Amino acid sequence: MTTETTVWTEIPVSDIAAAVDFYGEVFQWTLSMDDTGPMPMANFASDMKGCHGHLYPGAPAKDGSGPTIHLAVPDNLEAATERLQKAGGTVVMGPIPIPVGRFTKCTDPDGNSIGLFERAA
C-alpha cells in the first residue's frame, strides 16, 4: 500500500500558452504539451513518474478562492518568488516556516492559489 495522498494535480488556466510560460519561468520546468486527450494539456514533467500534474484550458478560481497546490521550487523561495513576481504572479503571504520546510502563498496570473514550497535542509 502506498503512503502518497496526492497522485495528480490539475490547474485550470485561461490561456495555456501564457500559463506554460509562467510556470516554466517560475519553477524552471520544461512543460510538455499533450494533445492526445479530449483537451490539450501541458504536463509538469515528461517522465510522468511519481506525483505530477498539468495545466489545462478551464475556468480558474478567481482571487485565490480555490484549493492551493504547493509546488516545490528548484532553488530557494527568494529566487522563485522574484521569478513569480516578474512573470506576473502575486505574493499573498510568506515565507511561512513549517516543520518540513517553508512556503510562500501566491496566486498565478489567472488567480489560482499556489504555494511555492522549499523543503527543509
N, C-alpha and C. Protein backbone atom coordinates (compact mmCIF):
# COMPACT_ATOMS: atom_id res chain seq x y z
N MET A 1 0.84 -1.18 0.00
CA MET A 1 0.00 0.00 0.00
C MET A 1 0.89 1.24 0.00
N THR A 2 0.52 2.22 -0.80
CA THR A 2 1.30 3.44 -0.92
C THR A 2 0.92 4.45 0.17
N THR A 3 1.85 5.32 0.53
CA THR A 3 1.57 6.35 1.52
C THR A 3 1.28 7.70 0.87
N GLU A 4 1.35 7.77 -0.48
CA GLU A 4 1.06 9.02 -1.16
C GLU A 4 -0.40 9.40 -0.97
N THR A 5 -0.66 10.65 -0.71
CA THR A 5 -2.03 11.10 -0.60
C THR A 5 -2.48 11.89 -1.83
N THR A 6 -1.53 12.42 -2.56
CA THR A 6 -1.84 13.14 -3.79
C THR A 6 -1.13 12.44 -4.93
N VAL A 7 -1.85 12.17 -6.01
CA VAL A 7 -1.23 11.48 -7.14
C VAL A 7 -1.22 12.32 -8.41
N TRP A 8 -2.08 13.33 -8.47
CA TRP A 8 -2.11 14.15 -9.68
C TRP A 8 -2.76 15.48 -9.34
N THR A 9 -2.30 16.56 -9.98
CA THR A 9 -2.92 17.86 -9.81
C THR A 9 -3.24 18.44 -11.18
N GLU A 10 -4.30 19.18 -11.25
CA GLU A 10 -4.70 19.85 -12.48
C GLU A 10 -4.99 21.31 -12.16
N ILE A 11 -4.40 22.22 -12.93
CA ILE A 11 -4.61 23.64 -12.70
C ILE A 11 -5.30 24.22 -13.94
N PRO A 12 -6.52 24.74 -13.78
CA PRO A 12 -7.21 25.33 -14.93
C PRO A 12 -6.65 26.72 -15.25
N VAL A 13 -6.46 26.99 -16.53
CA VAL A 13 -5.89 28.27 -16.94
C VAL A 13 -6.69 28.83 -18.12
N SER A 14 -6.70 30.15 -18.24
CA SER A 14 -7.45 30.78 -19.31
C SER A 14 -6.68 30.80 -20.63
N ASP A 15 -5.36 30.78 -20.57
CA ASP A 15 -4.52 30.82 -21.77
C ASP A 15 -3.37 29.84 -21.53
N ILE A 16 -3.44 28.67 -22.15
CA ILE A 16 -2.46 27.63 -21.84
C ILE A 16 -1.04 28.03 -22.25
N ALA A 17 -0.87 28.73 -23.37
CA ALA A 17 0.48 29.14 -23.79
C ALA A 17 1.08 30.12 -22.78
N ALA A 18 0.29 31.08 -22.32
CA ALA A 18 0.78 32.04 -21.32
C ALA A 18 1.09 31.33 -20.00
N ALA A 19 0.25 30.36 -19.62
CA ALA A 19 0.47 29.62 -18.37
C ALA A 19 1.72 28.75 -18.46
N VAL A 20 1.98 28.14 -19.62
CA VAL A 20 3.21 27.36 -19.81
C VAL A 20 4.41 28.27 -19.60
N ASP A 21 4.36 29.47 -20.15
CA ASP A 21 5.47 30.43 -19.97
C ASP A 21 5.63 30.79 -18.49
N PHE A 22 4.53 31.09 -17.80
CA PHE A 22 4.58 31.48 -16.39
C PHE A 22 5.15 30.35 -15.53
N TYR A 23 4.57 29.16 -15.58
CA TYR A 23 5.01 28.05 -14.73
C TYR A 23 6.42 27.59 -15.11
N GLY A 24 6.73 27.64 -16.39
CA GLY A 24 8.09 27.30 -16.82
C GLY A 24 9.12 28.25 -16.24
N GLU A 25 8.79 29.54 -16.24
CA GLU A 25 9.70 30.55 -15.69
C GLU A 25 9.84 30.42 -14.18
N VAL A 26 8.73 30.34 -13.46
CA VAL A 26 8.77 30.32 -12.00
C VAL A 26 9.45 29.07 -11.48
N PHE A 27 9.08 27.90 -12.01
CA PHE A 27 9.59 26.63 -11.48
C PHE A 27 10.75 26.04 -12.29
N GLN A 28 11.15 26.76 -13.37
CA GLN A 28 12.26 26.32 -14.21
C GLN A 28 11.97 24.96 -14.84
N TRP A 29 10.71 24.73 -15.21
CA TRP A 29 10.29 23.49 -15.84
C TRP A 29 10.28 23.64 -17.35
N THR A 30 10.40 22.51 -18.03
CA THR A 30 10.11 22.43 -19.45
C THR A 30 8.83 21.60 -19.54
N LEU A 31 7.71 22.29 -19.63
CA LEU A 31 6.42 21.58 -19.67
C LEU A 31 6.25 20.93 -21.04
N SER A 32 5.62 19.77 -21.06
CA SER A 32 5.41 19.07 -22.32
C SER A 32 3.94 19.10 -22.69
N MET A 33 3.66 19.55 -23.92
CA MET A 33 2.28 19.60 -24.40
C MET A 33 1.82 18.20 -24.76
N ASP A 34 0.56 17.91 -24.45
CA ASP A 34 -0.05 16.61 -24.75
C ASP A 34 -1.43 16.87 -25.33
N ASP A 35 -1.60 16.52 -26.59
CA ASP A 35 -2.88 16.72 -27.27
C ASP A 35 -3.60 15.41 -27.53
N THR A 36 -3.28 14.35 -26.77
CA THR A 36 -3.87 13.03 -27.03
C THR A 36 -5.23 12.83 -26.38
N GLY A 37 -5.59 13.68 -25.44
CA GLY A 37 -6.86 13.51 -24.73
C GLY A 37 -7.96 14.37 -25.32
N PRO A 38 -9.03 14.52 -24.56
CA PRO A 38 -10.15 15.32 -25.05
C PRO A 38 -9.87 16.82 -25.09
N MET A 39 -8.82 17.26 -24.38
CA MET A 39 -8.43 18.67 -24.40
C MET A 39 -6.91 18.73 -24.29
N PRO A 40 -6.30 19.80 -24.81
CA PRO A 40 -4.85 19.92 -24.68
C PRO A 40 -4.46 20.12 -23.22
N MET A 41 -3.27 19.65 -22.87
CA MET A 41 -2.75 19.87 -21.53
C MET A 41 -1.24 20.03 -21.61
N ALA A 42 -0.70 20.70 -20.61
CA ALA A 42 0.75 20.89 -20.52
C ALA A 42 1.20 20.20 -19.24
N ASN A 43 1.92 19.09 -19.40
CA ASN A 43 2.36 18.30 -18.25
C ASN A 43 3.55 18.97 -17.56
N PHE A 44 3.57 18.90 -16.22
CA PHE A 44 4.67 19.47 -15.45
C PHE A 44 5.99 18.77 -15.75
N ALA A 45 5.95 17.50 -16.09
CA ALA A 45 7.16 16.73 -16.35
C ALA A 45 6.89 15.79 -17.51
N SER A 46 7.93 15.37 -18.19
CA SER A 46 7.75 14.46 -19.31
C SER A 46 7.87 13.00 -18.89
N ASP A 47 8.51 12.71 -17.75
CA ASP A 47 8.70 11.31 -17.36
C ASP A 47 7.45 10.68 -16.75
N MET A 48 6.54 11.52 -16.22
CA MET A 48 5.26 11.07 -15.67
C MET A 48 5.43 10.01 -14.58
N LYS A 49 6.53 10.04 -13.85
CA LYS A 49 6.75 9.14 -12.73
C LYS A 49 6.49 9.90 -11.44
N GLY A 50 5.87 9.26 -10.50
CA GLY A 50 5.58 9.92 -9.22
C GLY A 50 4.41 10.86 -9.34
N CYS A 51 4.28 11.76 -8.40
CA CYS A 51 3.18 12.72 -8.35
C CYS A 51 3.52 13.91 -9.24
N HIS A 52 2.68 14.16 -10.18
CA HIS A 52 2.86 15.31 -11.08
C HIS A 52 1.52 15.96 -11.33
N GLY A 53 1.41 16.66 -12.42
CA GLY A 53 0.17 17.31 -12.76
C GLY A 53 0.28 18.01 -14.10
N HIS A 54 -0.74 18.79 -14.41
CA HIS A 54 -0.73 19.52 -15.66
C HIS A 54 -1.61 20.76 -15.59
N LEU A 55 -1.41 21.60 -16.59
CA LEU A 55 -2.25 22.77 -16.83
C LEU A 55 -3.24 22.38 -17.91
N TYR A 56 -4.45 22.92 -17.86
CA TYR A 56 -5.42 22.64 -18.92
C TYR A 56 -6.32 23.85 -19.12
N PRO A 57 -6.87 24.02 -20.32
CA PRO A 57 -7.78 25.13 -20.55
C PRO A 57 -9.05 24.94 -19.72
N GLY A 58 -9.34 25.88 -18.87
CA GLY A 58 -10.51 25.75 -18.00
C GLY A 58 -10.84 27.08 -17.35
N ALA A 59 -11.71 27.01 -16.36
CA ALA A 59 -12.16 28.22 -15.64
C ALA A 59 -11.45 28.29 -14.29
N PRO A 60 -10.41 29.11 -14.18
CA PRO A 60 -9.69 29.23 -12.91
C PRO A 60 -10.56 29.83 -11.81
N ALA A 61 -10.29 29.42 -10.58
CA ALA A 61 -10.91 30.05 -9.43
C ALA A 61 -10.29 31.44 -9.30
N LYS A 62 -11.08 32.44 -9.18
CA LYS A 62 -10.56 33.81 -9.14
C LYS A 62 -10.16 34.21 -7.73
N ASP A 63 -9.19 35.09 -7.66
CA ASP A 63 -8.77 35.70 -6.39
C ASP A 63 -8.29 34.69 -5.36
N GLY A 64 -7.70 33.57 -5.80
CA GLY A 64 -7.15 32.60 -4.86
C GLY A 64 -8.17 31.86 -4.05
N SER A 65 -9.44 31.84 -4.51
CA SER A 65 -10.51 31.22 -3.71
C SER A 65 -10.59 29.70 -3.86
N GLY A 66 -9.85 29.13 -4.79
CA GLY A 66 -9.88 27.68 -4.96
C GLY A 66 -8.85 26.99 -4.08
N PRO A 67 -8.65 25.69 -4.26
CA PRO A 67 -7.64 24.98 -3.48
C PRO A 67 -6.24 25.50 -3.78
N THR A 68 -5.35 25.32 -2.84
CA THR A 68 -3.95 25.73 -3.03
C THR A 68 -3.10 24.49 -3.32
N ILE A 69 -2.38 24.54 -4.42
CA ILE A 69 -1.44 23.48 -4.76
C ILE A 69 -0.04 24.00 -4.47
N HIS A 70 0.68 23.30 -3.59
CA HIS A 70 2.04 23.70 -3.23
C HIS A 70 3.00 22.95 -4.15
N LEU A 71 3.87 23.69 -4.81
CA LEU A 71 4.80 23.13 -5.78
C LEU A 71 6.23 23.42 -5.34
N ALA A 72 7.08 22.41 -5.41
CA ALA A 72 8.47 22.54 -4.96
C ALA A 72 9.24 23.45 -5.90
N VAL A 73 10.00 24.37 -5.33
CA VAL A 73 10.84 25.26 -6.11
C VAL A 73 12.19 24.57 -6.36
N PRO A 74 12.85 24.90 -7.48
CA PRO A 74 14.11 24.22 -7.80
C PRO A 74 15.32 24.75 -7.04
N ASP A 75 15.15 25.89 -6.37
CA ASP A 75 16.29 26.50 -5.69
C ASP A 75 15.86 26.98 -4.29
N ASN A 76 15.47 28.24 -4.14
CA ASN A 76 15.01 28.73 -2.84
C ASN A 76 13.82 29.66 -3.04
N LEU A 77 13.11 29.92 -1.94
CA LEU A 77 11.90 30.74 -2.01
C LEU A 77 12.16 32.15 -2.53
N GLU A 78 13.26 32.74 -2.12
CA GLU A 78 13.54 34.11 -2.54
C GLU A 78 13.68 34.21 -4.06
N ALA A 79 14.45 33.30 -4.65
CA ALA A 79 14.64 33.32 -6.11
C ALA A 79 13.34 33.01 -6.84
N ALA A 80 12.60 32.01 -6.36
CA ALA A 80 11.33 31.63 -7.01
C ALA A 80 10.29 32.74 -6.87
N THR A 81 10.26 33.39 -5.72
CA THR A 81 9.31 34.49 -5.51
C THR A 81 9.62 35.65 -6.45
N GLU A 82 10.88 35.94 -6.64
CA GLU A 82 11.28 37.01 -7.57
C GLU A 82 10.84 36.66 -8.99
N ARG A 83 11.07 35.40 -9.40
CA ARG A 83 10.63 34.98 -10.74
C ARG A 83 9.12 35.06 -10.88
N LEU A 84 8.40 34.64 -9.83
CA LEU A 84 6.94 34.67 -9.84
C LEU A 84 6.44 36.10 -10.06
N GLN A 85 6.98 37.04 -9.32
CA GLN A 85 6.52 38.42 -9.44
C GLN A 85 6.86 39.00 -10.80
N LYS A 86 8.05 38.72 -11.32
CA LYS A 86 8.43 39.21 -12.65
C LYS A 86 7.56 38.61 -13.75
N ALA A 87 7.07 37.38 -13.53
CA ALA A 87 6.25 36.70 -14.53
C ALA A 87 4.77 37.05 -14.42
N GLY A 88 4.39 37.86 -13.43
CA GLY A 88 3.00 38.31 -13.33
C GLY A 88 2.19 37.70 -12.21
N GLY A 89 2.82 36.93 -11.33
CA GLY A 89 2.13 36.36 -10.17
C GLY A 89 2.13 37.34 -9.01
N THR A 90 1.35 37.02 -7.99
CA THR A 90 1.21 37.89 -6.82
C THR A 90 1.49 37.11 -5.54
N VAL A 91 2.27 37.70 -4.65
CA VAL A 91 2.52 37.11 -3.34
C VAL A 91 1.36 37.49 -2.42
N VAL A 92 0.79 36.50 -1.73
CA VAL A 92 -0.29 36.73 -0.79
C VAL A 92 0.27 36.83 0.63
N MET A 93 1.15 35.89 1.00
CA MET A 93 1.81 35.94 2.31
C MET A 93 3.01 35.00 2.32
N GLY A 94 3.93 35.31 3.19
CA GLY A 94 5.08 34.43 3.37
C GLY A 94 6.37 35.16 3.14
N PRO A 95 7.46 34.43 3.35
CA PRO A 95 7.54 32.99 3.58
C PRO A 95 7.07 32.58 4.98
N ILE A 96 6.52 31.39 5.04
CA ILE A 96 5.97 30.84 6.27
C ILE A 96 6.73 29.56 6.62
N PRO A 97 7.43 29.52 7.76
CA PRO A 97 8.15 28.29 8.14
C PRO A 97 7.17 27.24 8.68
N ILE A 98 7.40 26.00 8.30
CA ILE A 98 6.65 24.85 8.81
C ILE A 98 7.68 23.76 9.10
N PRO A 99 7.35 22.73 9.85
CA PRO A 99 8.36 21.73 10.22
C PRO A 99 9.12 21.08 9.04
N VAL A 100 8.47 20.94 7.90
CA VAL A 100 9.13 20.26 6.77
C VAL A 100 9.79 21.22 5.80
N GLY A 101 9.74 22.51 6.07
CA GLY A 101 10.35 23.49 5.18
C GLY A 101 9.71 24.85 5.36
N ARG A 102 9.46 25.54 4.25
CA ARG A 102 8.77 26.81 4.29
C ARG A 102 8.10 27.06 2.95
N PHE A 103 7.09 27.91 2.96
CA PHE A 103 6.36 28.19 1.73
C PHE A 103 5.92 29.64 1.68
N THR A 104 5.62 30.08 0.47
CA THR A 104 5.04 31.39 0.24
C THR A 104 3.74 31.16 -0.53
N LYS A 105 2.64 31.69 -0.01
CA LYS A 105 1.35 31.56 -0.67
C LYS A 105 1.24 32.66 -1.72
N CYS A 106 0.83 32.27 -2.94
CA CYS A 106 0.80 33.19 -4.07
C CYS A 106 -0.43 32.92 -4.93
N THR A 107 -0.62 33.76 -5.94
CA THR A 107 -1.57 33.46 -7.00
C THR A 107 -0.86 33.58 -8.33
N ASP A 108 -1.28 32.75 -9.29
CA ASP A 108 -0.74 32.86 -10.64
C ASP A 108 -1.50 33.97 -11.37
N PRO A 109 -1.14 34.31 -12.61
CA PRO A 109 -1.82 35.40 -13.30
C PRO A 109 -3.33 35.19 -13.48
N ASP A 110 -3.81 33.93 -13.44
CA ASP A 110 -5.24 33.64 -13.54
C ASP A 110 -5.97 33.74 -12.20
N GLY A 111 -5.23 33.91 -11.10
CA GLY A 111 -5.84 33.97 -9.78
C GLY A 111 -5.86 32.64 -9.06
N ASN A 112 -5.29 31.57 -9.67
CA ASN A 112 -5.19 30.28 -8.98
C ASN A 112 -4.26 30.41 -7.78
N SER A 113 -4.65 29.81 -6.66
CA SER A 113 -3.84 29.81 -5.46
C SER A 113 -2.76 28.74 -5.58
N ILE A 114 -1.50 29.16 -5.46
CA ILE A 114 -0.38 28.21 -5.48
C ILE A 114 0.56 28.53 -4.33
N GLY A 115 1.27 27.52 -3.88
CA GLY A 115 2.28 27.71 -2.86
C GLY A 115 3.64 27.39 -3.46
N LEU A 116 4.59 28.27 -3.23
CA LEU A 116 5.99 27.98 -3.58
C LEU A 116 6.56 27.30 -2.36
N PHE A 117 7.03 26.07 -2.51
CA PHE A 117 7.47 25.28 -1.37
C PHE A 117 8.95 24.95 -1.45
N GLU A 118 9.67 25.21 -0.35
CA GLU A 118 11.08 24.86 -0.22
C GLU A 118 11.23 23.88 0.94
N ARG A 119 11.73 22.69 0.65
CA ARG A 119 11.93 21.68 1.69
C ARG A 119 13.03 22.10 2.65
N ALA A 120 12.91 21.65 3.91
CA ALA A 120 13.96 21.90 4.90
C ALA A 120 15.22 21.16 4.49
N ALA A 121 16.37 21.71 4.84
CA ALA A 121 17.65 21.09 4.51
C ALA A 121 17.83 19.78 5.26
